[in-house]
Amino acid sequence: MNAEKNKVVSFHYTVTGEDGEIVDNSRDRGEPLAVLLGHGNIIPGLERAIEGRAVGDKFEVQVEPADAYGSRNPEAKQRVPKKYFQGAAKLKAGDVTVLSLKEGGQRIVTVLKVGMTAIDVDLNHPLAGQKLTFDVELTGVRDPEPVELQHGHAHGNGGHAH
């Protein structure tokens, strides 16, 4: 079975940034990443590189910023009340953290400045503007469970709770 839209694909990966530093490595977590292809669960450039592959395939792919986290927008800065951050008292300039959004969901941001009641953040993804290199090993391809299709993402071992 090959990796294609509406298949759950499991893979190990190592991603390095333009500086050659490892940004993330699934092997450090002990389990491969599982995604439902075709539902926007991973960056588009990586998803396209996985499509058509089979279990056991190992490959390297370079993903341009437009197919990863986009270009950096120097104006994407915002002052946000501290109440939208967990652990706001411990944050300092340069920290990468998660911002809880008013409309629900979350966004990864970089702290620029911490004030008394608000925190200035860079809204760009920390990897925006970078060409990323992925070393990938496909470890599994399967049909999704109906609930995974309904939810639009793969569920891990033992099910998934929202």
C-alpha atoms as a PDB file:
ATOM      1  CA  MET A   1       0.000   0.000   0.000  1.00  0.00           C
ATOM      2  CA  ASN A   2       1.382   3.404  -0.947  1.00  0.00           C
ATOM      3  CA  ALA A   3       1.048   6.682   0.899  1.00  0.00           C
ATOM      4  CA  GLU A   4      -1.789   8.757  -0.578  1.00  0.00           C
ATOM      5  CA  LYS A   5      -4.627  11.057   0.405  1.00  0.00           C
ATOM      6  CA  ASN A   6      -6.860   9.630   3.139  1.00  0.00           C
ATOM      7  CA  LYS A   7      -4.249   7.079   4.290  1.00  0.00           C
ATOM      8  CA  VAL A   8      -2.647   7.159   7.721  1.00  0.00           C
ATOM      9  CA  VAL A   9       1.095   7.301   7.218  1.00  0.00           C
ATOM     10  CA  SER A  10       3.653   6.737   9.973  1.00  0.00           C
ATOM     11  CA  PHE A  11       7.230   7.912   9.600  1.00  0.00           C
ATOM     12  CA  HIS A  12      10.366   8.787  11.468  1.00  0.00           C
ATOM     13  CA  TYR A  13      12.050  12.043  10.529  1.00  0.00           C
ATOM     14  CA  THR A  14      14.903  14.347  11.356  1.00  0.00           C
ATOM     15  CA  VAL A  15      14.562  17.974  10.268  1.00  0.00           C
ATOM     16  CA  THR A  16      17.458  20.400  10.039  1.00  0.00           C
ATOM     17  CA  GLY A  17      17.351  24.140   9.478  1.00  0.00           C
ATOM     18  CA  GLU A  18      19.473  26.158   7.074  1.00  0.00           C
ATOM     19  CA  ASP A  19      22.219  26.415   9.686  1.00  0.00           C
ATOM     20  CA  GLY A  20      22.555  22.615   9.723  1.00  0.00           C
ATOM     21  CA  GLU A  21      21.253  22.337  13.284  1.00  0.00           C
ATOM     22  CA  ILE A  22      18.719  19.596  14.044  1.00  0.00           C
ATOM     23  CA  VAL A  23      15.365  21.234  14.760  1.00  0.00           C
ATOM     24  CA  ASP A  24      13.347  18.115  15.557  1.00  0.00           C
ATOM     25  CA  ASN A  25      13.796  14.353  15.535  1.00  0.00           C
ATOM     26  CA  SER A  26      10.942  11.862  15.978  1.00  0.00           C
ATOM     27  CA  ARG A  27      13.314   9.120  17.163  1.00  0.00           C
ATOM     28  CA  ASP A  28      13.968  11.154  20.312  1.00  0.00           C
ATOM     29  CA  ARG A  29      10.306  10.611  21.212  1.00  0.00           C
ATOM     30  CA  GLY A  30      10.530   6.873  20.489  1.00  0.00           C
ATOM     31  CA  GLU A  31       7.528   6.716  18.166  1.00  0.00           C
ATOM     32  CA  PRO A  32       7.073   7.669  14.530  1.00  0.00           C
ATOM     33  CA  LEU A  33       4.741  10.520  13.658  1.00  0.00           C
ATOM     34  CA  ALA A  34       1.364   9.348  12.296  1.00  0.00           C
ATOM     35  CA  VAL A  35      -0.612  11.682  10.009  1.00  0.00           C
ATOM     36  CA  LEU A  36      -3.708  11.483   7.849  1.00  0.00           C
ATOM     37  CA  LEU A  37      -2.478  12.618   4.436  1.00  0.00           C
ATOM     38  CA  GLY A  38      -4.393  15.258   2.510  1.00  0.00           C
ATOM     39  CA  HIS A  39      -5.800  17.064   5.545  1.00  0.00           C
ATOM     40  CA  GLY A  40      -3.162  19.732   6.195  1.00  0.00           C
ATOM     41  CA  ASN A  41      -1.645  17.976   9.197  1.00  0.00           C
ATOM     42  CA  ILE A  42       1.958  18.504   8.057  1.00  0.00           C
ATOM     43  CA  ILE A  43       3.663  21.121   5.912  1.00  0.00           C
ATOM     44  CA  PRO A  44       2.724  20.854   2.215  1.00  0.00           C
ATOM     45  CA  GLY A  45       6.257  20.221   0.905  1.00  0.00           C
ATOM     46  CA  LEU A  46       6.757  17.230   3.196  1.00  0.00           C
ATOM     47  CA  GLU A  47       3.296  15.842   2.437  1.00  0.00           C
ATOM     48  CA  ARG A  48       3.982  15.950  -1.321  1.00  0.00           C
ATOM     49  CA  ALA A  49       7.334  14.207  -0.815  1.00  0.00           C
ATOM     50  CA  ILE A  50       5.665  11.370   1.122  1.00  0.00           C
ATOM     51  CA  GLU A  51       2.848  10.770  -1.391  1.00  0.00           C
ATOM     52  CA  GLY A  52       3.391   7.663  -3.517  1.00  0.00           C
ATOM     53  CA  ARG A  53       6.011   6.201  -1.158  1.00  0.00           C
ATOM     54  CA  ALA A  54       5.870   2.745   0.430  1.00  0.00           C
ATOM     55  CA  VAL A  55       6.770   1.330   3.839  1.00  0.00           C
ATOM     56  CA  GLY A  56      10.536   1.051   4.171  1.00  0.00           C
ATOM     57  CA  ASP A  57      11.278   3.967   1.839  1.00  0.00           C
ATOM     58  CA  LYS A  58      14.029   6.254   3.143  1.00  0.00           C
ATOM     59  CA  PHE A  59      14.597   9.621   1.507  1.00  0.00           C
ATOM     60  CA  GLU A  60      15.769  13.187   1.995  1.00  0.00           C
ATOM     61  CA  VAL A  61      13.789  16.211   0.837  1.00  0.00           C
ATOM     62  CA  GLN A  62      14.489  19.934   0.985  1.00  0.00           C
ATOM     63  CA  VAL A  63      11.406  22.064   1.541  1.00  0.00           C
ATOM     64  CA  GLU A  64      11.423  25.735   0.546  1.00  0.00           C
ATOM     65  CA  PRO A  65       9.864  28.277   2.942  1.00  0.00           C
ATOM     66  CA  ALA A  66       6.756  28.685   0.743  1.00  0.00           C
ATOM     67  CA  ASP A  67       5.991  24.964   1.223  1.00  0.00           C
ATOM     68  CA  ALA A  68       6.939  24.959   4.912  1.00  0.00           C
ATOM     69  CA  TYR A  69       6.208  27.807   7.352  1.00  0.00           C
ATOM     70  CA  GLY A  70       6.198  30.656   4.835  1.00  0.00           C
ATOM     71  CA  SER A  71       8.351  33.745   4.556  1.00  0.00           C
ATOM     72  CA  ARG A  72       9.143  35.875   7.588  1.00  0.00           C
ATOM     73  CA  ASN A  73       6.923  38.915   7.968  1.00  0.00           C
ATOM     74  CA  PRO A  74       8.897  41.580   9.864  1.00  0.00           C
ATOM     75  CA  GLU A  75       5.653  43.340  10.813  1.00  0.00           C
ATOM     76  CA  ALA A  76       4.080  40.266  12.442  1.00  0.00           C
ATOM     77  CA  LYS A  77       4.457  41.501  16.011  1.00  0.00           C
ATOM     78  CA  GLN A  78       1.816  41.969  18.657  1.00  0.00           C
ATOM     79  CA  ARG A  79       1.433  42.999  22.300  1.00  0.00           C
ATOM     80  CA  VAL A  80      -0.636  40.376  24.136  1.00  0.00           C
ATOM     81  CA  PRO A  81      -1.990  40.422  27.721  1.00  0.00           C
ATOM     82  CA  LYS A  82      -0.143  37.970  29.960  1.00  0.00           C
ATOM     83  CA  LYS A  83      -3.364  36.062  30.724  1.00  0.00           C
ATOM     84  CA  TYR A  84      -3.129  34.359  27.311  1.00  0.00           C
ATOM     85  CA  PHE A  85       0.135  32.594  28.252  1.00  0.00           C
ATOM     86  CA  GLN A  86       0.722  29.663  30.556  1.00  0.00           C
ATOM     87  CA  GLY A  87       3.682  30.328  32.823  1.00  0.00           C
ATOM     88  CA  ALA A  88       3.850  34.001  31.805  1.00  0.00           C
ATOM     89  CA  ALA A  89       5.862  34.903  34.924  1.00  0.00           C
ATOM     90  CA  LYS A  90       8.754  32.688  33.767  1.00  0.00           C
ATOM     91  CA  LEU A  91       8.916  33.913  30.152  1.00  0.00           C
ATOM     92  CA  LYS A  92      11.831  35.985  28.898  1.00  0.00           C
ATOM     93  CA  ALA A  93      12.920  37.495  25.583  1.00  0.00           C
ATOM     94  CA  GLY A  94      13.913  34.793  23.084  1.00  0.00           C
ATOM     95  CA  ASP A  95      11.673  32.086  24.526  1.00  0.00           C
ATOM     96  CA  VAL A  96       9.464  30.163  22.119  1.00  0.00           C
ATOM     97  CA  THR A  97       6.065  29.523  23.679  1.00  0.00           C
ATOM     98  CA  VAL A  98       2.435  28.769  22.915  1.00  0.00           C
ATOM     99  CA  LEU A  99      -0.128  31.549  22.746  1.00  0.00           C
ATOM    100  CA  SER A 100      -3.754  30.620  23.472  1.00  0.00           C
ATOM    101  CA  LEU A 101      -5.989  32.372  20.944  1.00  0.00           C
ATOM    102  CA  LYS A 102      -9.264  34.127  21.883  1.00  0.00           C
ATOM    103  CA  GLU A 103     -11.124  32.251  19.138  1.00  0.00           C
ATOM    104  CA  GLY A 104      -9.706  28.921  20.331  1.00  0.00           C
ATOM    105  CA  GLY A 105      -6.612  27.061  19.277  1.00  0.00           C
ATOM    106  CA  GLN A 106      -2.981  27.918  19.805  1.00  0.00           C
ATOM    107  CA  ARG A 107      -0.063  29.519  17.992  1.00  0.00           C
ATOM    108  CA  ILE A 108       3.692  29.159  18.454  1.00  0.00           C
ATOM    109  CA  VAL A 109       5.302  32.562  19.056  1.00  0.00           C
ATOM    110  CA  THR A 110       8.673  33.978  20.081  1.00  0.00           C
ATOM    111  CA  VAL A 111       8.846  36.356  23.047  1.00  0.00           C
ATOM    112  CA  LEU A 112      10.371  39.732  22.172  1.00  0.00           C
ATOM    113  CA  LYS A 113       9.810  41.642  25.429  1.00  0.00           C
ATOM    114  CA  VAL A 114       8.069  40.995  28.743  1.00  0.00           C
ATOM    115  CA  GLY A 115       6.279  43.890  30.407  1.00  0.00           C
ATOM    116  CA  MET A 116       4.272  44.227  33.609  1.00  0.00           C
ATOM    117  CA  THR A 117       0.908  43.257  32.102  1.00  0.00           C
ATOM    118  CA  ALA A 118       1.668  42.296  28.500  1.00  0.00           C
ATOM    119  CA  ILE A 119       4.179  40.390  26.402  1.00  0.00           C
ATOM    120  CA  ASP A 120       5.407  41.504  22.971  1.00  0.00           C
ATOM    121  CA  VAL A 121       5.663  38.542  20.597  1.00  0.00           C
ATOM    122  CA  ASP A 122       6.855  37.724  17.098  1.00  0.00           C
ATOM    123  CA  LEU A 123       3.934  35.924  15.428  1.00  0.00           C
ATOM    124  CA  ASN A 124       6.128  34.299  12.769  1.00  0.00           C
ATOM    125  CA  HIS A 125       6.661  30.574  13.225  1.00  0.00           C
ATOM    126  CA  PRO A 126      10.232  30.091  14.499  1.00  0.00           C
ATOM    127  CA  LEU A 127      11.081  28.242  11.253  1.00  0.00           C
ATOM    128  CA  ALA A 128       9.487  30.800   8.921  1.00  0.00           C
ATOM    129  CA  GLY A 129      11.788  31.868   6.107  1.00  0.00           C
ATOM    130  CA  GLN A 130      13.981  28.772   6.348  1.00  0.00           C
ATOM    131  CA  LYS A 131      14.639  26.024   3.834  1.00  0.00           C
ATOM    132  CA  LEU A 132      14.235  22.802   5.811  1.00  0.00           C
ATOM    133  CA  THR A 133      15.825  19.429   5.118  1.00  0.00           C
ATOM    134  CA  PHE A 134      13.952  16.291   6.163  1.00  0.00           C
ATOM    135  CA  ASP A 135      15.442  12.790   6.414  1.00  0.00           C
ATOM    136  CA  VAL A 136      12.410  10.490   6.356  1.00  0.00           C
ATOM    137  CA  GLU A 137      11.814   6.767   6.855  1.00  0.00           C
ATOM    138  CA  LEU A 138       8.280   5.529   6.121  1.00  0.00           C
ATOM    139  CA  THR A 139       7.292   2.967   8.774  1.00  0.00           C
ATOM    140  CA  GLY A 140       3.603   2.386   8.081  1.00  0.00           C
ATOM    141  CA  VAL A 141       0.683   3.029   5.742  1.00  0.00           C
ATOM    142  CA  ARG A 142      -2.856   1.998   6.640  1.00  0.00           C
ATOM    143  CA  ASP A 143      -6.468   2.794   5.947  1.00  0.00           C
ATOM    144  CA  PRO A 144      -7.906   5.236   8.474  1.00  0.00           C
ATOM    145  CA  GLU A 145     -10.622   4.431  10.958  1.00  0.00           C
ATOM    146  CA  PRO A 146     -13.917   6.173  10.072  1.00  0.00           C
ATOM    147  CA  VAL A 147     -13.538   8.461  13.110  1.00  0.00           C
ATOM    148  CA  GLU A 148     -10.079   9.553  11.901  1.00  0.00           C
ATOM    149  CA  LEU A 149     -11.539  10.610   8.552  1.00  0.00           C
ATOM    150  CA  GLN A 150     -14.373  12.368  10.366  1.00  0.00           C
ATOM    151  CA  HIS A 151     -11.907  14.253  12.605  1.00  0.00           C
ATOM    152  CA  GLY A 152      -9.428  14.919   9.790  1.00  0.00           C
ATOM    153  CA  HIS A 153      -6.382  13.540  11.613  1.00  0.00           C
ATOM    154  CA  ALA A 154      -4.774  10.289  12.708  1.00  0.00           C
ATOM    155  CA  HIS A 155      -5.368   8.986  16.220  1.00  0.00           C
ATOM    156  CA  GLY A 156      -2.524   7.474  18.188  1.00  0.00           C
ATOM    157  CA  ASN A 157      -2.270   4.138  19.946  1.00  0.00           C
ATOM    158  CA  GLY A 158      -5.257   3.513  22.181  1.00  0.00           C
ATOM    159  CA  GLY A 159      -7.506   6.078  20.535  1.00  0.00           C
ATOM    160  CA  HIS A 160      -7.728   9.840  20.815  1.00  0.00           C
ATOM    161  CA  ALA A 161      -9.561  12.181  23.153  1.00  0.00           C
ATOM    162  CA  HIS A 162     -10.488  15.739  22.157  1.00  0.00           C
END
